[in-house]
Amino acid sequence: MKTLFKNYADSFKGLSKEVWWLSLITLINRAGAMVIPFLSIYLTEDLCLSFSNVAWIMSCFGLGSVVGTWIGEKLTDRIGYYKIMVFSLLATGLLFIGIQYLTTFKSLCIGVFTLTLVADMFRPAMYVALSAYSKPENKTRSVTLIRLAINLGFSAGPALGGLIIVTLGYAGLFWVDGITCIIASLLLINVLNPKKAKAQDNIINDNPESAYKDVPFIVFCLALVLLGLVFLQYFSAMPLYYRQVHLLTELEVGLLLGANGFLIFIFEMPLIKWLENTKFTKIGLVLFGTILTGLSFLVLILSNWIGVIVIGMILMTFGEMIAFPFANALAMERAKKGNQGEYMALYAMTFSFASVFAHNAGLQFIEGIGFDNTWIIMTAVSTACVFLLFSLNVHMKKKRR
């Protein structure tokens, strides 16, 4: 046990002080985003909006993410990551506090769109900062530490949010959410002054290439959109499957979904450290993670035994742990040849685009053709993603020769 703990602790060694600060800021920010899991409940039960109206508001949520990420990359390349991160955190906090006063359908569409637009400007700026403050050999583990902070934040946030709703109501939730974002911005100002912090991987490129002209990177992002369409089903369609087909209680559904974050917390960092020392390429590991994610849907089709949902969750979790950190690291590596903000925004937008369509498509499929046929479609989409990544891996290996 002592050796196991030592190996786990060793997987965090070598990361810069700035990366640890970024992780703490991300943890505060993500734990503070506790409004998000309760947004649809708030809109339907407190504001009495129809499901149709809520669907359009959630579409504005996804569209705001796409536009915000795009604006974030443009401004990051022009004025730097630091100013964008501070502005995004501070303004998001104020917007969270203000959105509670919007009660009409149109005002909420505009408000939610603006909120996610400003909030997601943070993402490309944060990725550029992470790239600058990570040594080249530590980039994947730095990304993994950020993911660890995100997962811990998303695990703690909903539980804390539920407690706040019970004690203070939804008004208290919006206030706490806004204040945590403001605290994160103040922490960033105090601990990550770019004039004092020393970048460990300065990237100087006098003739940067446009990410939109980098065909292999575009293909890679397209593959990630397909992976996102499949992966995001675990946060909308899958809970319904657990509830309606396997008759799990809400508590059991929560525990099963919570196992995802627990497994990531325990295994991801040591797993990534081990994989970094193997001969596998980053894109090859993304491909393998995609295969595991696709298999997590395939096993659901093969048997009605209740144990397959646990097997499916484990397959998806390990697929996520392998695919996403190496996808992020590959994007940061590729960004060295061009405008970093542009590359990282294009990478981040893949998941924003996926979120616009994934939840709606999955639920529409379930209503129209049932769960099993929906899982068949998701397996097919995973297969298409594997084909794209395999072709890209072959192309990049040939180019390196």
Protein backbone atom coordinates (compact mmCIF):
# COMPACT_ATOMS: atom_id res chain seq x y z
CA MET A 1 0.00 0.00 0.00
CA LYS A 2 2.87 2.33 0.87
CA THR A 3 4.48 1.68 -2.53
CA LEU A 4 1.16 2.25 -4.30
CA PHE A 5 0.70 5.59 -2.52
CA LYS A 6 4.29 6.60 -3.34
CA ASN A 7 3.78 5.81 -7.04
CA TYR A 8 0.55 7.83 -7.00
CA ALA A 9 2.29 10.81 -5.37
CA ASP A 10 5.22 10.53 -7.81
CA SER A 11 2.85 10.95 -10.74
CA PHE A 12 2.30 14.57 -9.61
CA LYS A 13 6.00 15.44 -9.35
CA GLY A 14 7.68 17.83 -11.74
CA LEU A 15 4.64 20.02 -12.40
CA SER A 16 5.25 23.76 -12.13
CA LYS A 17 3.83 25.96 -9.36
CA GLU A 18 1.76 27.87 -11.93
CA VAL A 19 0.10 24.66 -13.13
CA TRP A 20 -0.93 23.88 -9.55
CA TRP A 21 -2.39 27.38 -9.17
CA LEU A 22 -4.29 26.99 -12.46
CA SER A 23 -5.67 23.70 -11.17
CA LEU A 24 -6.85 25.28 -7.91
CA ILE A 25 -8.49 28.16 -9.80
CA THR A 26 -10.18 25.64 -12.10
CA LEU A 27 -11.37 23.61 -9.10
CA ILE A 28 -12.94 26.71 -7.50
CA ASN A 29 -14.49 27.72 -10.82
CA ARG A 30 -15.91 24.27 -11.63
CA ALA A 31 -17.18 23.64 -8.09
CA GLY A 32 -18.84 27.04 -8.35
CA ALA A 33 -20.63 26.13 -11.58
CA MET A 34 -23.33 24.45 -9.52
CA VAL A 35 -26.18 26.25 -11.30
CA ILE A 36 -25.65 24.20 -14.45
CA PRO A 37 -26.92 20.76 -13.25
CA PHE A 38 -30.04 22.42 -11.79
CA LEU A 39 -30.73 24.85 -14.64
CA SER A 40 -33.40 22.79 -16.40
CA ILE A 41 -35.17 22.06 -13.08
CA TYR A 42 -35.07 25.75 -12.16
CA LEU A 43 -36.50 26.78 -15.54
CA THR A 44 -39.36 24.26 -15.50
CA GLU A 45 -40.33 24.23 -11.82
CA ASP A 46 -39.55 27.74 -10.55
CA LEU A 47 -40.20 29.72 -13.74
CA CYS A 48 -42.84 27.30 -15.13
CA LEU A 49 -41.42 27.33 -18.65
CA SER A 50 -42.43 24.62 -21.11
CA PHE A 51 -40.03 21.84 -22.10
CA SER A 52 -39.91 23.33 -25.60
CA ASN A 53 -38.78 26.68 -24.25
CA VAL A 54 -36.21 25.02 -21.98
CA ALA A 55 -34.84 23.11 -24.98
CA TRP A 56 -34.28 26.39 -26.86
CA ILE A 57 -32.64 27.97 -23.81
CA MET A 58 -30.28 24.98 -23.53
CA SER A 59 -29.51 25.37 -27.25
CA CYS A 60 -28.54 28.99 -26.51
CA PHE A 61 -26.29 27.56 -23.79
CA GLY A 62 -24.42 25.43 -26.36
CA LEU A 63 -24.28 28.20 -28.97
CA GLY A 64 -22.89 30.64 -26.43
CA SER A 65 -20.13 28.15 -25.71
CA VAL A 66 -19.22 27.93 -29.41
CA VAL A 67 -19.14 31.71 -29.92
CA GLY A 68 -17.37 32.37 -26.62
CA THR A 69 -14.62 29.89 -27.41
CA TRP A 70 -14.12 31.45 -30.85
CA ILE A 71 -13.95 35.00 -29.42
CA GLY A 72 -11.65 33.77 -26.66
CA GLU A 73 -9.09 32.42 -29.12
CA LYS A 74 -9.11 35.62 -31.17
CA LEU A 75 -8.59 37.82 -28.12
CA THR A 76 -6.03 35.45 -26.55
CA ASP A 77 -3.80 35.71 -29.62
CA ARG A 78 -4.20 39.50 -29.68
CA ILE A 79 -3.99 40.61 -26.03
CA GLY A 80 -2.76 37.51 -24.16
CA TYR A 81 -4.22 34.76 -22.00
CA TYR A 82 -3.95 36.58 -18.66
CA LYS A 83 -6.32 39.47 -19.39
CA ILE A 84 -8.88 37.13 -20.97
CA MET A 85 -8.85 34.76 -17.98
CA VAL A 86 -9.30 37.56 -15.45
CA PHE A 87 -12.08 39.23 -17.46
CA SER A 88 -13.90 35.95 -18.09
CA LEU A 89 -13.92 34.84 -14.44
CA LEU A 90 -14.92 38.25 -13.08
CA ALA A 91 -17.63 38.93 -15.67
CA THR A 92 -19.01 35.39 -15.38
CA GLY A 93 -19.42 35.89 -11.65
CA LEU A 94 -21.40 39.09 -12.19
CA LEU A 95 -23.53 37.45 -14.89
CA PHE A 96 -24.36 34.48 -12.65
CA ILE A 97 -25.62 36.88 -9.99
CA GLY A 98 -27.61 38.88 -12.53
CA ILE A 99 -29.26 36.00 -14.41
CA GLN A 100 -31.56 35.21 -11.47
CA TYR A 101 -33.45 38.41 -12.24
CA LEU A 102 -34.35 37.27 -15.77
CA THR A 103 -37.76 35.60 -15.91
CA THR A 104 -39.03 35.77 -19.52
CA PHE A 105 -38.19 33.30 -22.27
CA LYS A 106 -36.49 35.85 -24.54
CA SER A 107 -34.47 37.47 -21.76
CA LEU A 108 -33.29 34.05 -20.56
CA CYS A 109 -32.22 33.04 -24.07
CA ILE A 110 -30.12 36.20 -24.33
CA GLY A 111 -28.88 35.92 -20.74
CA VAL A 112 -27.83 32.26 -20.94
CA PHE A 113 -26.19 32.82 -24.34
CA THR A 114 -24.22 35.80 -22.94
CA LEU A 115 -23.28 33.90 -19.78
CA THR A 116 -21.79 30.91 -21.60
CA LEU A 117 -20.17 33.17 -24.21
CA VAL A 118 -18.25 35.04 -21.51
CA ALA A 119 -17.57 31.94 -19.41
CA ASP A 120 -16.12 29.91 -22.29
CA MET A 121 -13.74 32.67 -23.34
CA PHE A 122 -11.74 31.30 -20.40
CA ARG A 123 -11.07 27.91 -22.00
CA PRO A 124 -8.66 28.72 -24.88
CA ALA A 125 -6.87 31.27 -22.67
CA MET A 126 -6.43 28.68 -19.91
CA TYR A 127 -5.08 26.10 -22.38
CA VAL A 128 -2.50 28.60 -23.68
CA ALA A 129 -1.46 29.44 -20.10
CA LEU A 130 -1.21 25.74 -19.30
CA SER A 131 0.97 25.20 -22.35
CA ALA A 132 3.26 28.08 -21.38
CA TYR A 133 3.72 26.97 -17.77
CA SER A 134 4.22 23.26 -18.48
CA LYS A 135 7.53 21.75 -19.47
CA PRO A 136 7.20 19.94 -22.82
CA GLU A 137 7.61 16.53 -21.15
CA ASN A 138 4.93 17.33 -18.53
CA LYS A 139 2.17 18.70 -20.77
CA THR A 140 -0.05 15.60 -20.72
CA ARG A 141 0.16 15.28 -16.94
CA SER A 142 -0.53 19.02 -16.56
CA VAL A 143 -3.69 18.57 -18.63
CA THR A 144 -4.58 15.55 -16.49
CA LEU A 145 -4.20 17.60 -13.30
CA ILE A 146 -6.59 20.21 -14.74
CA ARG A 147 -9.05 17.41 -15.62
CA LEU A 148 -8.69 16.09 -12.08
CA ALA A 149 -9.61 19.54 -10.73
CA ILE A 150 -12.58 19.73 -13.12
CA ASN A 151 -13.85 16.29 -12.05
CA LEU A 152 -13.47 17.10 -8.36
CA GLY A 153 -15.30 20.38 -8.95
CA PHE A 154 -18.14 18.73 -10.82
CA SER A 155 -18.42 16.08 -8.09
CA ALA A 156 -18.57 18.57 -5.23
CA GLY A 157 -20.58 21.26 -7.04
CA PRO A 158 -23.93 19.45 -7.49
CA ALA A 159 -23.91 18.13 -3.91
CA LEU A 160 -23.17 21.60 -2.53
CA GLY A 161 -25.71 23.11 -4.93
CA GLY A 162 -28.46 20.80 -3.69
CA LEU A 163 -27.69 21.79 -0.10
CA ILE A 164 -27.80 25.50 -0.98
CA ILE A 165 -31.16 25.13 -2.76
CA VAL A 166 -32.67 23.39 0.28
CA THR A 167 -31.39 26.06 2.69
CA LEU A 168 -31.27 29.29 0.66
CA GLY A 169 -33.30 28.56 -2.47
CA TYR A 170 -32.23 29.18 -6.08
CA ALA A 171 -31.40 32.83 -5.35
CA GLY A 172 -28.70 31.66 -2.95
CA LEU A 173 -27.39 29.28 -5.61
CA PHE A 174 -26.91 32.07 -8.15
CA TRP A 175 -25.22 34.29 -5.56
CA VAL A 176 -22.80 31.58 -4.37
CA ASP A 177 -22.04 30.60 -7.98
CA GLY A 178 -21.25 34.20 -8.89
CA ILE A 179 -19.14 34.83 -5.80
CA THR A 180 -16.99 31.72 -6.40
CA CYS A 181 -16.17 32.93 -9.92
CA ILE A 182 -15.19 36.35 -8.55
CA ILE A 183 -13.01 34.67 -5.89
CA ALA A 184 -11.32 32.63 -8.62
CA SER A 185 -10.56 35.82 -10.58
CA LEU A 186 -9.07 37.52 -7.50
CA LEU A 187 -6.95 34.43 -6.79
CA LEU A 188 -5.71 34.46 -10.38
CA ILE A 189 -4.70 38.14 -10.11
CA ASN A 190 -2.72 37.45 -6.95
CA VAL A 191 -0.93 34.21 -7.84
CA LEU A 192 -0.43 34.25 -11.61
CA ASN A 193 1.03 37.61 -12.47
CA PRO A 194 2.59 37.07 -15.92
CA LYS A 195 5.30 39.64 -15.16
CA LYS A 196 6.49 37.58 -12.19
CA ALA A 197 5.73 34.04 -13.30
CA LYS A 198 8.30 32.35 -15.49
CA ALA A 199 7.01 30.51 -18.52
CA GLN A 200 8.68 27.09 -18.92
CA ASP A 201 7.90 26.55 -22.58
CA ASN A 202 8.20 29.81 -24.50
CA ILE A 203 6.82 29.38 -27.99
CA ILE A 204 8.08 31.84 -30.57
CA ASN A 205 6.84 31.56 -34.12
CA ASP A 206 7.47 34.43 -36.51
CA ASN A 207 5.35 32.86 -39.27
CA PRO A 208 2.42 31.20 -37.52
CA GLU A 209 0.15 28.89 -39.51
CA SER A 210 -3.62 29.15 -39.35
CA ALA A 211 -5.28 26.23 -37.58
CA TYR A 212 -8.02 26.35 -40.21
CA LYS A 213 -5.48 25.51 -42.95
CA ASP A 214 -4.00 22.60 -40.96
CA VAL A 215 -5.93 19.74 -42.61
CA PRO A 216 -4.74 16.94 -40.28
CA PHE A 217 -5.75 19.05 -37.28
CA ILE A 218 -9.17 19.76 -38.81
CA VAL A 219 -9.69 16.00 -39.35
CA PHE A 220 -8.60 15.41 -35.75
CA CYS A 221 -11.14 17.96 -34.49
CA LEU A 222 -13.87 16.38 -36.62
CA ALA A 223 -13.09 13.02 -35.01
CA LEU A 224 -13.36 14.65 -31.58
CA VAL A 225 -16.79 16.06 -32.47
CA LEU A 226 -17.93 12.49 -33.17
CA LEU A 227 -16.37 11.30 -29.91
CA GLY A 228 -18.12 14.15 -28.07
CA LEU A 229 -21.49 13.20 -29.57
CA VAL A 230 -21.09 9.71 -28.12
CA PHE A 231 -19.47 10.61 -24.79
CA LEU A 232 -22.07 13.26 -23.85
CA GLN A 233 -24.87 10.64 -23.94
CA TYR A 234 -23.66 9.61 -20.49
CA PHE A 235 -24.91 12.94 -19.14
CA SER A 236 -28.38 12.99 -20.70
CA ALA A 237 -29.61 9.76 -22.32
CA MET A 238 -27.82 7.24 -20.08
CA PRO A 239 -29.41 8.34 -16.77
CA LEU A 240 -32.82 7.78 -18.38
CA TYR A 241 -31.69 4.30 -19.46
CA TYR A 242 -30.64 3.45 -15.92
CA ARG A 243 -33.94 4.73 -14.54
CA GLN A 244 -36.45 3.44 -17.10
CA VAL A 245 -34.89 0.16 -18.28
CA HIS A 246 -32.96 -1.05 -15.22
CA LEU A 247 -35.27 0.68 -12.71
CA LEU A 248 -32.50 2.20 -10.62
CA THR A 249 -33.46 4.75 -8.00
CA GLU A 250 -32.19 8.33 -8.24
CA LEU A 251 -29.66 7.54 -5.50
CA GLU A 252 -28.37 4.49 -7.39
CA VAL A 253 -28.12 6.50 -10.61
CA GLY A 254 -26.17 9.19 -8.77
CA LEU A 255 -23.80 6.63 -7.23
CA LEU A 256 -23.17 4.98 -10.60
CA LEU A 257 -22.43 8.30 -12.30
CA GLY A 258 -20.35 9.36 -9.29
CA ALA A 259 -18.19 6.26 -9.75
CA ASN A 260 -16.91 7.91 -12.94
CA GLY A 261 -15.36 10.80 -11.02
CA PHE A 262 -14.04 8.48 -8.29
CA LEU A 263 -12.28 6.19 -10.78
CA ILE A 264 -10.76 9.20 -12.54
CA PHE A 265 -9.52 10.60 -9.23
CA ILE A 266 -7.84 7.30 -8.29
CA PHE A 267 -6.49 6.03 -11.60
CA GLU A 268 -6.06 8.80 -14.17
CA MET A 269 -2.81 10.43 -13.06
CA PRO A 270 -0.83 7.16 -12.56
CA LEU A 271 -2.29 5.74 -15.78
CA ILE A 272 -1.26 8.80 -17.80
CA LYS A 273 2.23 8.79 -16.31
CA TRP A 274 2.64 5.12 -17.28
CA LEU A 275 1.28 5.64 -20.81
CA GLU A 276 3.59 8.62 -21.36
CA ASN A 277 6.54 6.25 -20.96
CA THR A 278 5.26 3.76 -23.55
CA LYS A 279 5.91 3.86 -27.30
CA PHE A 280 2.29 4.61 -28.20
CA THR A 281 1.62 7.81 -30.13
CA LYS A 282 -0.79 10.38 -28.70
CA ILE A 283 -3.24 9.90 -31.53
CA GLY A 284 -2.98 6.13 -31.13
CA LEU A 285 -3.98 6.48 -27.48
CA VAL A 286 -6.91 8.74 -28.40
CA LEU A 287 -7.96 6.03 -30.84
CA PHE A 288 -7.77 3.35 -28.13
CA GLY A 289 -9.79 5.50 -25.73
CA THR A 290 -12.44 5.93 -28.44
CA ILE A 291 -12.63 2.16 -28.91
CA LEU A 292 -13.26 1.69 -25.19
CA THR A 293 -15.98 4.38 -25.26
CA GLY A 294 -17.69 2.68 -28.21
CA LEU A 295 -17.51 -0.70 -26.45
CA SER A 296 -19.27 0.82 -23.45
CA PHE A 297 -22.39 1.19 -25.64
CA LEU A 298 -21.94 -2.13 -27.44
CA VAL A 299 -22.05 -4.17 -24.21
CA LEU A 300 -25.45 -2.65 -23.40
CA ILE A 301 -26.87 -4.13 -26.59
CA LEU A 302 -25.44 -7.62 -25.96
CA SER A 303 -27.16 -8.34 -22.64
CA ASN A 304 -29.99 -7.19 -20.38
CA TRP A 305 -28.04 -8.29 -17.28
CA ILE A 306 -27.87 -5.35 -14.88
CA GLY A 307 -24.13 -5.85 -14.44
CA VAL A 308 -23.46 -4.62 -17.98
CA ILE A 309 -24.27 -1.05 -16.99
CA VAL A 310 -21.39 -1.20 -14.49
CA ILE A 311 -19.11 -2.72 -17.15
CA GLY A 312 -20.22 -0.01 -19.59
CA MET A 313 -19.48 2.75 -17.06
CA ILE A 314 -16.00 1.33 -16.38
CA LEU A 315 -15.23 1.06 -20.12
CA MET A 316 -16.40 4.63 -20.74
CA THR A 317 -14.43 5.98 -17.78
CA PHE A 318 -11.15 4.40 -18.88
CA GLY A 319 -11.84 5.48 -22.45
CA GLU A 320 -12.31 9.05 -21.21
CA MET A 321 -9.17 8.87 -19.05
CA ILE A 322 -7.04 7.79 -22.01
CA ALA A 323 -8.59 9.73 -24.90
CA PHE A 324 -9.12 13.25 -23.54
CA PRO A 325 -5.77 14.03 -21.85
CA PHE A 326 -3.79 12.85 -24.88
CA ALA A 327 -6.15 14.65 -27.28
CA ASN A 328 -5.57 17.86 -25.34
CA ALA A 329 -1.80 17.31 -25.21
CA LEU A 330 -1.73 16.64 -28.96
CA ALA A 331 -3.64 19.87 -29.63
CA MET A 332 -1.18 21.89 -27.50
CA GLU A 333 1.75 20.24 -29.27
CA ARG A 334 0.25 21.03 -32.67
CA ALA A 335 -0.43 24.63 -31.59
CA LYS A 336 3.31 25.36 -31.49
CA LYS A 337 3.33 25.69 -35.28
CA GLY A 338 0.68 28.42 -35.40
CA ASN A 339 -1.49 30.80 -33.42
CA GLN A 340 -1.87 29.06 -30.09
CA GLY A 341 -5.19 30.65 -29.19
CA GLU A 342 -6.65 29.73 -32.57
CA TYR A 343 -5.56 26.10 -32.26
CA MET A 344 -6.76 25.69 -28.69
CA ALA A 345 -10.08 27.40 -29.41
CA LEU A 346 -10.70 25.13 -32.39
CA TYR A 347 -9.94 22.18 -30.14
CA ALA A 348 -12.27 23.45 -27.39
CA MET A 349 -15.03 24.24 -29.91
CA THR A 350 -15.21 20.58 -30.92
CA PHE A 351 -16.89 19.79 -27.60
CA SER A 352 -19.00 22.94 -27.74
CA PHE A 353 -20.34 21.88 -31.16
CA ALA A 354 -20.92 18.37 -29.86
CA SER A 355 -22.87 19.69 -26.86
CA VAL A 356 -25.21 21.70 -29.11
CA PHE A 357 -26.43 18.52 -30.83
CA ALA A 358 -25.55 15.54 -28.60
CA HIS A 359 -28.18 15.79 -25.87
CA ASN A 360 -31.01 16.71 -28.23
CA ALA A 361 -30.12 14.00 -30.76
CA GLY A 362 -29.79 11.27 -28.13
CA LEU A 363 -33.13 12.04 -26.54
CA GLN A 364 -34.85 12.31 -29.93
CA PHE A 365 -33.45 8.92 -30.96
CA ILE A 366 -34.62 7.32 -27.72
CA GLU A 367 -38.12 8.68 -28.16
CA GLY A 368 -38.27 7.60 -31.81
CA ILE A 369 -36.45 4.26 -32.00
CA GLY A 370 -35.76 3.16 -28.41
CA PHE A 371 -32.67 2.71 -26.27
CA ASP A 372 -31.07 -0.31 -27.98
CA ASN A 373 -31.24 1.22 -31.46
CA THR A 374 -29.83 4.46 -30.06
CA TRP A 375 -26.87 2.54 -28.60
CA ILE A 376 -26.33 0.90 -32.01
CA ILE A 377 -26.16 4.37 -33.59
CA MET A 378 -23.68 5.53 -30.94
CA THR A 379 -21.53 2.46 -31.57
CA ALA A 380 -21.60 3.26 -35.30
CA VAL A 381 -20.59 6.88 -34.63
CA SER A 382 -17.71 5.60 -32.46
CA THR A 383 -16.64 3.33 -35.32
CA ALA A 384 -16.59 6.28 -37.72
CA CYS A 385 -14.46 8.20 -35.20
CA VAL A 386 -12.05 5.24 -34.92
CA PHE A 387 -11.73 5.11 -38.72
CA LEU A 388 -10.87 8.82 -38.91
CA LEU A 389 -8.29 8.56 -36.13
CA PHE A 390 -6.74 5.40 -37.60
CA SER A 391 -6.41 7.04 -41.04
CA LEU A 392 -4.92 10.15 -39.44
CA ASN A 393 -2.46 8.06 -37.40
CA VAL A 394 -1.26 6.27 -40.55
CA HIS A 395 -0.90 9.61 -42.38
CA MET A 396 1.11 11.22 -39.59
CA LYS A 397 3.41 8.20 -39.24
CA LYS A 398 4.18 8.36 -42.97
CA LYS A 399 4.86 12.08 -42.72
CA ARG A 400 7.35 11.55 -39.90
CA ARG A 401 9.40 9.07 -41.97
